[in-house]
Amino acid sequence: MALKRVIPCLDVDAGRVVKGTNFVGLRDAGDPVELAERYDAEGADELVFLDITASHEKRETIVELARRTADNVFIPFTIGGGIRSVEDAQAVLDAGADKVSVNSAALARPELLTELADHFGAQCVVIAIDAKRDGEPPNASPTCGAPAGWFGGGWGVYVNGGRKRVEGLDAVGWAREAVERGAGEVLLTSMDRDGTNDGYDIELTRAVADAVPVPVIASGGAGELGHLSEAIAAGGADAVLCASIFHYGRYRVREAKERLAADGIPVRL
């Protein structure tokens, strides 16, 4: 069985790691590279940096973050935020990142996923999806074929920090299309659970994991170590993304991996 991964996530705003609840109420959590070094030493499998201000700032911000991280950290890491072209991705990968994560840019122009995969390989391309449980059925999608009717539940796809729903797309259908276009991994965040410490959205995670043939990273809601095991065992996730439970010292990465191992989940210790 493939080893499952524990991945600390560092949301970066103006050069500092921040964390909020449901994408709002941000509070400072420290220097991104210092935290990255700590997680590397504790045994994290990978890291994800999401520059949440990159859409309003120059690309050099995330390039410099990638360079500083590569100089100090020795595990794979992904950079997301502000990647809108092959050139943007090239700059970040040249600076030392192993993968790039794209979200709103891929929604605006889905061909970007194919361009990135053609240039760098699908293993370097992560599609990030911010999903929220719908109160209304999604409309039929001309791009991913999502049904107009609802079949027992669904999740919308959101952008702009969760403030705007993408009309006509549901999260499962978009994940499927993104992978078909070239994404090699899905970073799936439940906006309903993000920062709540109530646990991952298992139903959402399982729905996407069953729909795509690539690894799915569960994100949003980790509060107890048992939530990580649940996301993998019940949700079908290949990796779990964690933020506040590590940033503020509630648990250490090593503790998380020891708990997964005790629950019978194969991890690298």
C-alpha atoms as a PDB file:
ATOM      1  CA  MET A   1       0.000   0.000   0.000  1.00  0.00           C
ATOM      2  CA  ALA A   2       1.258   3.488  -0.894  1.00  0.00           C
ATOM      3  CA  LEU A   3       2.400   5.608   2.025  1.00  0.00           C
ATOM      4  CA  LYS A   4      -0.039   8.325   3.068  1.00  0.00           C
ATOM      5  CA  ARG A   5       1.242  11.861   3.535  1.00  0.00           C
ATOM      6  CA  VAL A   6       0.939  14.546   6.188  1.00  0.00           C
ATOM      7  CA  ILE A   7       1.301  17.992   4.620  1.00  0.00           C
ATOM      8  CA  PRO A   8       1.406  21.217   6.627  1.00  0.00           C
ATOM      9  CA  CYS A   9      -0.212  24.084   4.745  1.00  0.00           C
ATOM     10  CA  LEU A  10       1.086  27.616   5.062  1.00  0.00           C
ATOM     11  CA  ASP A  11      -1.233  30.390   3.890  1.00  0.00           C
ATOM     12  CA  VAL A  12       0.989  33.394   3.255  1.00  0.00           C
ATOM     13  CA  ASP A  13      -0.287  36.975   3.423  1.00  0.00           C
ATOM     14  CA  ALA A  14       2.199  39.825   2.954  1.00  0.00           C
ATOM     15  CA  GLY A  15       5.082  37.519   3.789  1.00  0.00           C
ATOM     16  CA  ARG A  16       3.606  36.019   6.975  1.00  0.00           C
ATOM     17  CA  VAL A  17       1.754  32.764   7.612  1.00  0.00           C
ATOM     18  CA  VAL A  18      -1.860  33.392   8.609  1.00  0.00           C
ATOM     19  CA  LYS A  19      -4.859  31.255   9.472  1.00  0.00           C
ATOM     20  CA  GLY A  20      -8.545  32.030   9.870  1.00  0.00           C
ATOM     21  CA  THR A  21     -11.922  30.338   9.986  1.00  0.00           C
ATOM     22  CA  ASN A  22     -13.973  29.809   6.814  1.00  0.00           C
ATOM     23  CA  PHE A  23     -11.391  31.940   4.971  1.00  0.00           C
ATOM     24  CA  VAL A  24     -11.871  35.030   7.200  1.00  0.00           C
ATOM     25  CA  GLY A  25     -10.631  36.319  10.563  1.00  0.00           C
ATOM     26  CA  LEU A  26      -6.954  35.850   9.711  1.00  0.00           C
ATOM     27  CA  ARG A  27      -4.376  35.842  12.496  1.00  0.00           C
ATOM     28  CA  ASP A  28      -0.608  35.678  12.353  1.00  0.00           C
ATOM     29  CA  ALA A  29       1.143  32.319  12.704  1.00  0.00           C
ATOM     30  CA  GLY A  30       4.768  33.157  11.969  1.00  0.00           C
ATOM     31  CA  ASP A  31       7.461  33.340   9.311  1.00  0.00           C
ATOM     32  CA  PRO A  32       6.817  30.871   6.466  1.00  0.00           C
ATOM     33  CA  VAL A  33      10.376  29.624   6.068  1.00  0.00           C
ATOM     34  CA  GLU A  34      10.924  29.248   9.820  1.00  0.00           C
ATOM     35  CA  LEU A  35       7.746  27.189  10.091  1.00  0.00           C
ATOM     36  CA  ALA A  36       8.747  25.176   7.027  1.00  0.00           C
ATOM     37  CA  GLU A  37      12.092  24.320   8.609  1.00  0.00           C
ATOM     38  CA  ARG A  38      10.338  23.176  11.767  1.00  0.00           C
ATOM     39  CA  TYR A  39       7.933  20.927   9.887  1.00  0.00           C
ATOM     40  CA  ASP A  40      10.775  19.481   7.845  1.00  0.00           C
ATOM     41  CA  ALA A  41      12.601  18.580  11.071  1.00  0.00           C
ATOM     42  CA  GLU A  42       9.430  17.048  12.544  1.00  0.00           C
ATOM     43  CA  GLY A  43       8.997  14.668   9.604  1.00  0.00           C
ATOM     44  CA  ALA A  44       6.465  16.315   7.312  1.00  0.00           C
ATOM     45  CA  ASP A  45       6.245  14.586   3.944  1.00  0.00           C
ATOM     46  CA  GLU A  46       5.649  17.731   1.900  1.00  0.00           C
ATOM     47  CA  LEU A  47       4.673  21.366   2.326  1.00  0.00           C
ATOM     48  CA  VAL A  48       2.127  23.558   0.581  1.00  0.00           C
ATOM     49  CA  PHE A  49       2.457  27.345   0.433  1.00  0.00           C
ATOM     50  CA  LEU A  50      -0.572  29.275  -0.732  1.00  0.00           C
ATOM     51  CA  ASP A  51       0.174  32.948  -1.272  1.00  0.00           C
ATOM     52  CA  ILE A  52      -3.273  34.418  -0.696  1.00  0.00           C
ATOM     53  CA  THR A  53      -2.150  37.900  -1.718  1.00  0.00           C
ATOM     54  CA  ALA A  54      -0.376  36.851  -4.909  1.00  0.00           C
ATOM     55  CA  SER A  55      -3.307  37.840  -7.120  1.00  0.00           C
ATOM     56  CA  HIS A  56      -2.785  41.465  -6.072  1.00  0.00           C
ATOM     57  CA  GLU A  57       0.996  41.534  -6.033  1.00  0.00           C
ATOM     58  CA  LYS A  58       3.871  40.797  -8.373  1.00  0.00           C
ATOM     59  CA  ARG A  59       5.036  37.281  -9.148  1.00  0.00           C
ATOM     60  CA  GLU A  60       8.397  38.004  -7.514  1.00  0.00           C
ATOM     61  CA  THR A  61       6.728  37.559  -4.122  1.00  0.00           C
ATOM     62  CA  ILE A  62       6.173  33.840  -4.555  1.00  0.00           C
ATOM     63  CA  VAL A  63       9.391  33.336  -6.500  1.00  0.00           C
ATOM     64  CA  GLU A  64      11.365  34.709  -3.572  1.00  0.00           C
ATOM     65  CA  LEU A  65       9.377  32.507  -1.159  1.00  0.00           C
ATOM     66  CA  ALA A  66      10.222  29.445  -3.268  1.00  0.00           C
ATOM     67  CA  ARG A  67      13.897  30.390  -3.347  1.00  0.00           C
ATOM     68  CA  ARG A  68      14.133  30.938   0.422  1.00  0.00           C
ATOM     69  CA  THR A  69      12.328  27.671   1.095  1.00  0.00           C
ATOM     70  CA  ALA A  70      14.523  25.655  -1.279  1.00  0.00           C
ATOM     71  CA  ASP A  71      17.611  26.995   0.465  1.00  0.00           C
ATOM     72  CA  ASN A  72      16.423  25.845   3.885  1.00  0.00           C
ATOM     73  CA  VAL A  73      14.037  22.907   3.457  1.00  0.00           C
ATOM     74  CA  PHE A  74      14.755  19.465   2.060  1.00  0.00           C
ATOM     75  CA  ILE A  75      11.317  17.975   1.421  1.00  0.00           C
ATOM     76  CA  PRO A  76       9.087  18.556  -1.628  1.00  0.00           C
ATOM     77  CA  PHE A  77       6.958  21.671  -1.591  1.00  0.00           C
ATOM     78  CA  THR A  78       4.166  23.165  -3.655  1.00  0.00           C
ATOM     79  CA  ILE A  79       3.641  26.860  -4.354  1.00  0.00           C
ATOM     80  CA  GLY A  80       0.218  28.258  -5.195  1.00  0.00           C
ATOM     81  CA  GLY A  81      -1.076  31.750  -5.768  1.00  0.00           C
ATOM     82  CA  GLY A  82      -0.564  33.925  -8.802  1.00  0.00           C
ATOM     83  CA  ILE A  83       0.303  31.084 -11.222  1.00  0.00           C
ATOM     84  CA  ARG A  84      -1.437  32.106 -14.438  1.00  0.00           C
ATOM     85  CA  SER A  85       0.895  30.874 -17.163  1.00  0.00           C
ATOM     86  CA  VAL A  86       3.668  28.465 -18.056  1.00  0.00           C
ATOM     87  CA  GLU A  87       6.101  31.333 -17.486  1.00  0.00           C
ATOM     88  CA  ASP A  88       4.792  31.917 -13.962  1.00  0.00           C
ATOM     89  CA  ALA A  89       5.150  28.227 -13.158  1.00  0.00           C
ATOM     90  CA  GLN A  90       8.619  28.076 -14.714  1.00  0.00           C
ATOM     91  CA  ALA A  91       9.841  30.893 -12.476  1.00  0.00           C
ATOM     92  CA  VAL A  92       8.594  29.183  -9.315  1.00  0.00           C
ATOM     93  CA  LEU A  93       9.891  25.745 -10.293  1.00  0.00           C
ATOM     94  CA  ASP A  94      13.261  27.200 -11.282  1.00  0.00           C
ATOM     95  CA  ALA A  95      13.433  28.805  -7.830  1.00  0.00           C
ATOM     96  CA  GLY A  96      13.140  25.372  -6.220  1.00  0.00           C
ATOM     97  CA  ALA A  97       9.470  24.430  -5.916  1.00  0.00           C
ATOM     98  CA  ASP A  98       8.521  20.866  -6.851  1.00  0.00           C
ATOM     99  CA  LYS A  99       4.907  21.523  -7.857  1.00  0.00           C
ATOM    100  CA  VAL A 100       2.601  24.415  -8.617  1.00  0.00           C
ATOM    101  CA  SER A 101      -0.971  24.739  -7.469  1.00  0.00           C
ATOM    102  CA  VAL A 102      -3.554  26.563  -9.574  1.00  0.00           C
ATOM    103  CA  ASN A 103      -7.100  27.521  -8.708  1.00  0.00           C
ATOM    104  CA  SER A 104      -8.878  30.579 -10.126  1.00  0.00           C
ATOM    105  CA  ALA A 105      -6.564  30.822 -13.147  1.00  0.00           C
ATOM    106  CA  ALA A 106      -7.550  27.288 -14.202  1.00  0.00           C
ATOM    107  CA  LEU A 107     -11.214  28.099 -13.739  1.00  0.00           C
ATOM    108  CA  ALA A 108     -10.846  31.185 -15.911  1.00  0.00           C
ATOM    109  CA  ARG A 109      -8.881  29.266 -18.552  1.00  0.00           C
ATOM    110  CA  PRO A 110      -8.976  25.474 -18.142  1.00  0.00           C
ATOM    111  CA  GLU A 111      -6.462  25.019 -20.982  1.00  0.00           C
ATOM    112  CA  LEU A 112      -3.803  26.240 -18.546  1.00  0.00           C
ATOM    113  CA  LEU A 113      -3.808  22.805 -16.902  1.00  0.00           C
ATOM    114  CA  THR A 114      -2.966  21.095 -20.177  1.00  0.00           C
ATOM    115  CA  GLU A 115      -0.256  23.635 -20.967  1.00  0.00           C
ATOM    116  CA  LEU A 116       1.361  23.122 -17.577  1.00  0.00           C
ATOM    117  CA  ALA A 117       1.165  19.331 -17.807  1.00  0.00           C
ATOM    118  CA  ASP A 118       2.633  19.358 -21.315  1.00  0.00           C
ATOM    119  CA  HIS A 119       5.583  21.491 -20.202  1.00  0.00           C
ATOM    120  CA  PHE A 120       6.351  20.082 -16.769  1.00  0.00           C
ATOM    121  CA  GLY A 121       4.482  16.783 -16.462  1.00  0.00           C
ATOM    122  CA  ALA A 122       1.232  16.116 -14.634  1.00  0.00           C
ATOM    123  CA  GLN A 123       3.156  15.290 -11.450  1.00  0.00           C
ATOM    124  CA  CYS A 124       4.005  18.998 -11.118  1.00  0.00           C
ATOM    125  CA  VAL A 125       0.427  20.251 -11.507  1.00  0.00           C
ATOM    126  CA  VAL A 126      -1.977  20.465  -8.573  1.00  0.00           C
ATOM    127  CA  ILE A 127      -5.554  21.654  -9.029  1.00  0.00           C
ATOM    128  CA  ALA A 128      -6.785  23.415  -5.906  1.00  0.00           C
ATOM    129  CA  ILE A 129     -10.552  23.358  -5.411  1.00  0.00           C
ATOM    130  CA  ASP A 130     -12.404  25.380  -2.774  1.00  0.00           C
ATOM    131  CA  ALA A 131     -15.739  23.655  -2.342  1.00  0.00           C
ATOM    132  CA  LYS A 132     -18.820  24.518  -0.323  1.00  0.00           C
ATOM    133  CA  ARG A 133     -21.926  22.442   0.221  1.00  0.00           C
ATOM    134  CA  ASP A 134     -24.738  23.799  -1.918  1.00  0.00           C
ATOM    135  CA  GLY A 135     -28.168  24.750  -0.787  1.00  0.00           C
ATOM    136  CA  GLU A 136     -29.294  24.719  -4.407  1.00  0.00           C
ATOM    137  CA  PRO A 137     -28.632  22.246  -7.207  1.00  0.00           C
ATOM    138  CA  PRO A 138     -25.806  23.195  -9.599  1.00  0.00           C
ATOM    139  CA  ASN A 139     -26.679  24.194 -13.146  1.00  0.00           C
ATOM    140  CA  ALA A 140     -25.632  22.055 -16.059  1.00  0.00           C
ATOM    141  CA  SER A 141     -22.028  22.787 -17.012  1.00  0.00           C
ATOM    142  CA  PRO A 142     -21.005  23.180 -20.639  1.00  0.00           C
ATOM    143  CA  THR A 143     -17.404  22.328 -19.733  1.00  0.00           C
ATOM    144  CA  CYS A 144     -17.551  19.423 -17.327  1.00  0.00           C
ATOM    145  CA  GLY A 145     -20.972  17.949 -18.000  1.00  0.00           C
ATOM    146  CA  ALA A 146     -22.295  18.328 -14.451  1.00  0.00           C
ATOM    147  CA  PRO A 147     -25.968  17.370 -14.385  1.00  0.00           C
ATOM    148  CA  ALA A 148     -28.610  20.058 -13.975  1.00  0.00           C
ATOM    149  CA  GLY A 149     -30.487  17.940 -11.455  1.00  0.00           C
ATOM    150  CA  TRP A 150     -29.269  17.255  -7.962  1.00  0.00           C
ATOM    151  CA  PHE A 151     -28.565  13.706  -6.850  1.00  0.00           C
ATOM    152  CA  GLY A 152     -28.667  13.714  -3.068  1.00  0.00           C
ATOM    153  CA  GLY A 153     -26.218  16.536  -2.459  1.00  0.00           C
ATOM    154  CA  GLY A 154     -23.537  18.607  -4.095  1.00  0.00           C
ATOM    155  CA  TRP A 155     -20.759  21.108  -3.614  1.00  0.00           C
ATOM    156  CA  GLY A 156     -20.227  24.347  -5.429  1.00  0.00           C
ATOM    157  CA  VAL A 157     -16.839  25.650  -6.553  1.00  0.00           C
ATOM    158  CA  TYR A 158     -15.818  29.029  -5.136  1.00  0.00           C
ATOM    159  CA  VAL A 159     -13.170  31.674  -5.846  1.00  0.00           C
ATOM    160  CA  ASN A 160     -12.089  34.990  -4.309  1.00  0.00           C
ATOM    161  CA  GLY A 161     -11.548  33.523  -0.877  1.00  0.00           C
ATOM    162  CA  GLY A 162     -14.891  31.806  -0.920  1.00  0.00           C
ATOM    163  CA  ARG A 163     -16.901  34.914  -1.735  1.00  0.00           C
ATOM    164  CA  LYS A 164     -17.963  34.010  -5.274  1.00  0.00           C
ATOM    165  CA  ARG A 165     -19.509  30.812  -6.570  1.00  0.00           C
ATOM    166  CA  VAL A 166     -18.521  29.691 -10.071  1.00  0.00           C
ATOM    167  CA  GLU A 167     -21.803  29.324 -11.882  1.00  0.00           C
ATOM    168  CA  GLY A 168     -22.446  26.017 -13.559  1.00  0.00           C
ATOM    169  CA  LEU A 169     -19.716  24.003 -11.843  1.00  0.00           C
ATOM    170  CA  ASP A 170     -19.882  21.418  -9.102  1.00  0.00           C
ATOM    171  CA  ALA A 171     -16.750  20.348  -7.263  1.00  0.00           C
ATOM    172  CA  VAL A 172     -16.817  16.686  -8.275  1.00  0.00           C
ATOM    173  CA  GLY A 173     -17.358  17.477 -11.944  1.00  0.00           C
ATOM    174  CA  TRP A 174     -14.656  20.130 -11.945  1.00  0.00           C
ATOM    175  CA  ALA A 175     -12.179  17.793 -10.267  1.00  0.00           C
ATOM    176  CA  ARG A 176     -12.839  15.202 -12.939  1.00  0.00           C
ATOM    177  CA  GLU A 177     -12.401  17.695 -15.766  1.00  0.00           C
ATOM    178  CA  ALA A 178      -9.260  19.207 -14.248  1.00  0.00           C
ATOM    179  CA  VAL A 179      -7.617  15.789 -14.058  1.00  0.00           C
ATOM    180  CA  GLU A 180      -8.641  14.985 -17.612  1.00  0.00           C
ATOM    181  CA  ARG A 181      -6.992  18.232 -18.688  1.00  0.00           C
ATOM    182  CA  GLY A 182      -3.702  17.377 -16.979  1.00  0.00           C
ATOM    183  CA  ALA A 183      -3.765  17.918 -13.212  1.00  0.00           C
ATOM    184  CA  GLY A 184      -1.834  15.193 -11.415  1.00  0.00           C
ATOM    185  CA  GLU A 185      -3.218  15.853  -7.945  1.00  0.00           C
ATOM    186  CA  VAL A 186      -6.285  17.440  -6.355  1.00  0.00           C
ATOM    187  CA  LEU A 187      -6.023  19.733  -3.334  1.00  0.00           C
ATOM    188  CA  LEU A 188      -9.583  19.731  -2.048  1.00  0.00           C
ATOM    189  CA  THR A 189     -10.614  22.264   0.601  1.00  0.00           C
ATOM    190  CA  SER A 190     -13.986  22.218   2.316  1.00  0.00           C
ATOM    191  CA  MET A 191     -14.875  25.844   2.941  1.00  0.00           C
ATOM    192  CA  ASP A 192     -17.601  24.706   5.330  1.00  0.00           C
ATOM    193  CA  ARG A 193     -14.993  23.059   7.561  1.00  0.00           C
ATOM    194  CA  ASP A 194     -11.936  25.275   7.017  1.00  0.00           C
ATOM    195  CA  GLY A 195     -10.524  26.456  10.336  1.00  0.00           C
ATOM    196  CA  THR A 196     -13.397  25.017  12.373  1.00  0.00           C
ATOM    197  CA  ASN A 197     -11.455  22.056  13.863  1.00  0.00           C
ATOM    198  CA  ASP A 198     -14.609  19.974  13.341  1.00  0.00           C
ATOM    199  CA  GLY A 199     -12.976  17.467  11.006  1.00  0.00           C
ATOM    200  CA  TYR A 200     -12.746  17.094   7.252  1.00  0.00           C
ATOM    201  CA  ASP A 201     -15.814  16.840   5.033  1.00  0.00           C
ATOM    202  CA  ILE A 202     -15.635  13.085   4.568  1.00  0.00           C
ATOM    203  CA  GLU A 203     -18.508  12.893   2.114  1.00  0.00           C
ATOM    204  CA  LEU A 204     -16.940  15.515  -0.148  1.00  0.00           C
ATOM    205  CA  THR A 205     -13.519  13.902   0.046  1.00  0.00           C
ATOM    206  CA  ARG A 206     -14.886  10.467  -0.773  1.00  0.00           C
ATOM    207  CA  ALA A 207     -16.947  11.790  -3.682  1.00  0.00           C
ATOM    208  CA  VAL A 208     -13.908  13.381  -5.321  1.00  0.00           C
ATOM    209  CA  ALA A 209     -11.554  10.500  -4.479  1.00  0.00           C
ATOM    210  CA  ASP A 210     -13.961   8.090  -6.156  1.00  0.00           C
ATOM    211  CA  ALA A 211     -14.267  10.340  -9.212  1.00  0.00           C
ATOM    212  CA  VAL A 212     -10.593  10.824 -10.106  1.00  0.00           C
ATOM    213  CA  PRO A 213      -7.635   8.444 -10.642  1.00  0.00           C
ATOM    214  CA  VAL A 214      -5.049  10.768  -9.072  1.00  0.00           C
ATOM    215  CA  PRO A 215      -4.161  11.489  -5.418  1.00  0.00           C
ATOM    216  CA  VAL A 216      -6.565  13.659  -3.441  1.00  0.00           C
ATOM    217  CA  ILE A 217      -5.324  15.856  -0.581  1.00  0.00           C
ATOM    218  CA  ALA A 218      -8.028  16.477   2.014  1.00  0.00           C
ATOM    219  CA  SER A 219      -8.061  19.990   3.437  1.00  0.00           C
ATOM    220  CA  GLY A 220     -10.194  22.025   5.800  1.00  0.00           C
ATOM    221  CA  GLY A 221     -11.271  21.163   9.319  1.00  0.00           C
ATOM    222  CA  ALA A 222      -8.538  19.143  11.038  1.00  0.00           C
ATOM    223  CA  GLY A 223      -8.809  19.618  14.793  1.00  0.00           C
ATOM    224  CA  GLU A 224      -7.968  16.243  16.308  1.00  0.00           C
ATOM    225  CA  LEU A 225      -5.529  13.588  15.168  1.00  0.00           C
ATOM    226  CA  GLY A 226      -8.398  11.172  14.646  1.00  0.00           C
ATOM    227  CA  HIS A 227      -9.710  13.458  11.913  1.00  0.00           C
ATOM    228  CA  LEU A 228      -6.599  12.703   9.841  1.00  0.00           C
ATOM    229  CA  SER A 229      -7.148   8.959  10.050  1.00  0.00           C
ATOM    230  CA  GLU A 230     -10.818   9.411   9.191  1.00  0.00           C
ATOM    231  CA  ALA A 231     -10.042  11.434   6.059  1.00  0.00           C
ATOM    232  CA  ILE A 232      -7.781   8.669   4.773  1.00  0.00           C
ATOM    233  CA  ALA A 233      -9.663   5.575   5.908  1.00  0.00           C
ATOM    234  CA  ALA A 234     -13.225   6.787   5.309  1.00  0.00           C
ATOM    235  CA  GLY A 235     -12.682   9.646   2.883  1.00  0.00           C
ATOM    236  CA  GLY A 236     -10.228   7.908   0.590  1.00  0.00           C
ATOM    237  CA  ALA A 237      -7.677  10.727   0.783  1.00  0.00           C
ATOM    238  CA  ASP A 238      -4.067  10.044  -0.153  1.00  0.00           C
ATOM    239  CA  ALA A 239      -2.819  12.905   2.012  1.00  0.00           C
ATOM    240  CA  VAL A 240      -4.081  15.254   4.698  1.00  0.00           C
ATOM    241  CA  LEU A 241      -3.403  18.967   4.756  1.00  0.00           C
ATOM    242  CA  CYS A 242      -3.163  20.590   8.183  1.00  0.00           C
ATOM    243  CA  ALA A 243      -2.641  24.165   9.295  1.00  0.00           C
ATOM    244  CA  SER A 244      -3.773  25.511  12.647  1.00  0.00           C
ATOM    245  CA  ILE A 245      -3.258  22.284  14.615  1.00  0.00           C
ATOM    246  CA  PHE A 246       0.445  22.544  13.761  1.00  0.00           C
ATOM    247  CA  HIS A 247       0.938  26.312  13.531  1.00  0.00           C
ATOM    248  CA  TYR A 248      -0.270  27.026  17.050  1.00  0.00           C
ATOM    249  CA  GLY A 249       1.405  24.049  18.704  1.00  0.00           C
ATOM    250  CA  ARG A 250      -1.593  21.866  19.433  1.00  0.00           C
ATOM    251  CA  TYR A 251       0.115  18.879  17.843  1.00  0.00           C
ATOM    252  CA  ARG A 252       3.425  18.146  16.182  1.00  0.00           C
ATOM    253  CA  VAL A 253       3.813  16.461  12.819  1.00  0.00           C
ATOM    254  CA  ARG A 254       5.491  13.494  14.473  1.00  0.00           C
ATOM    255  CA  GLU A 255       2.482  12.972  16.748  1.00  0.00           C
ATOM    256  CA  ALA A 256       0.144  13.034  13.771  1.00  0.00           C
ATOM    257  CA  LYS A 257       2.133  10.398  11.923  1.00  0.00           C
ATOM    258  CA  GLU A 258       2.434   8.193  14.987  1.00  0.00           C
ATOM    259  CA  ARG A 259      -1.350   8.329  15.382  1.00  0.00           C
ATOM    260  CA  LEU A 260      -1.877   7.397  11.747  1.00  0.00           C
ATOM    261  CA  ALA A 261       0.517   4.473  12.109  1.00  0.00           C
ATOM    262  CA  ALA A 262      -1.285   3.331  15.271  1.00  0.00           C
ATOM    263  CA  ASP A 263      -4.537   3.396  13.306  1.00  0.00           C
ATOM    264  CA  GLY A 264      -3.026   1.056  10.733  1.00  0.00           C
ATOM    265  CA  ILE A 265      -2.361   3.675   8.077  1.00  0.00           C
ATOM    266  CA  PRO A 266       1.036   3.350   6.346  1.00  0.00           C
ATOM    267  CA  VAL A 267       3.163   6.475   6.762  1.00  0.00           C
ATOM    268  CA  ARG A 268       6.837   7.377   6.669  1.00  0.00           C
ATOM    269  CA  LEU A 269       8.132   7.696  10.215  1.00  0.00           C
END
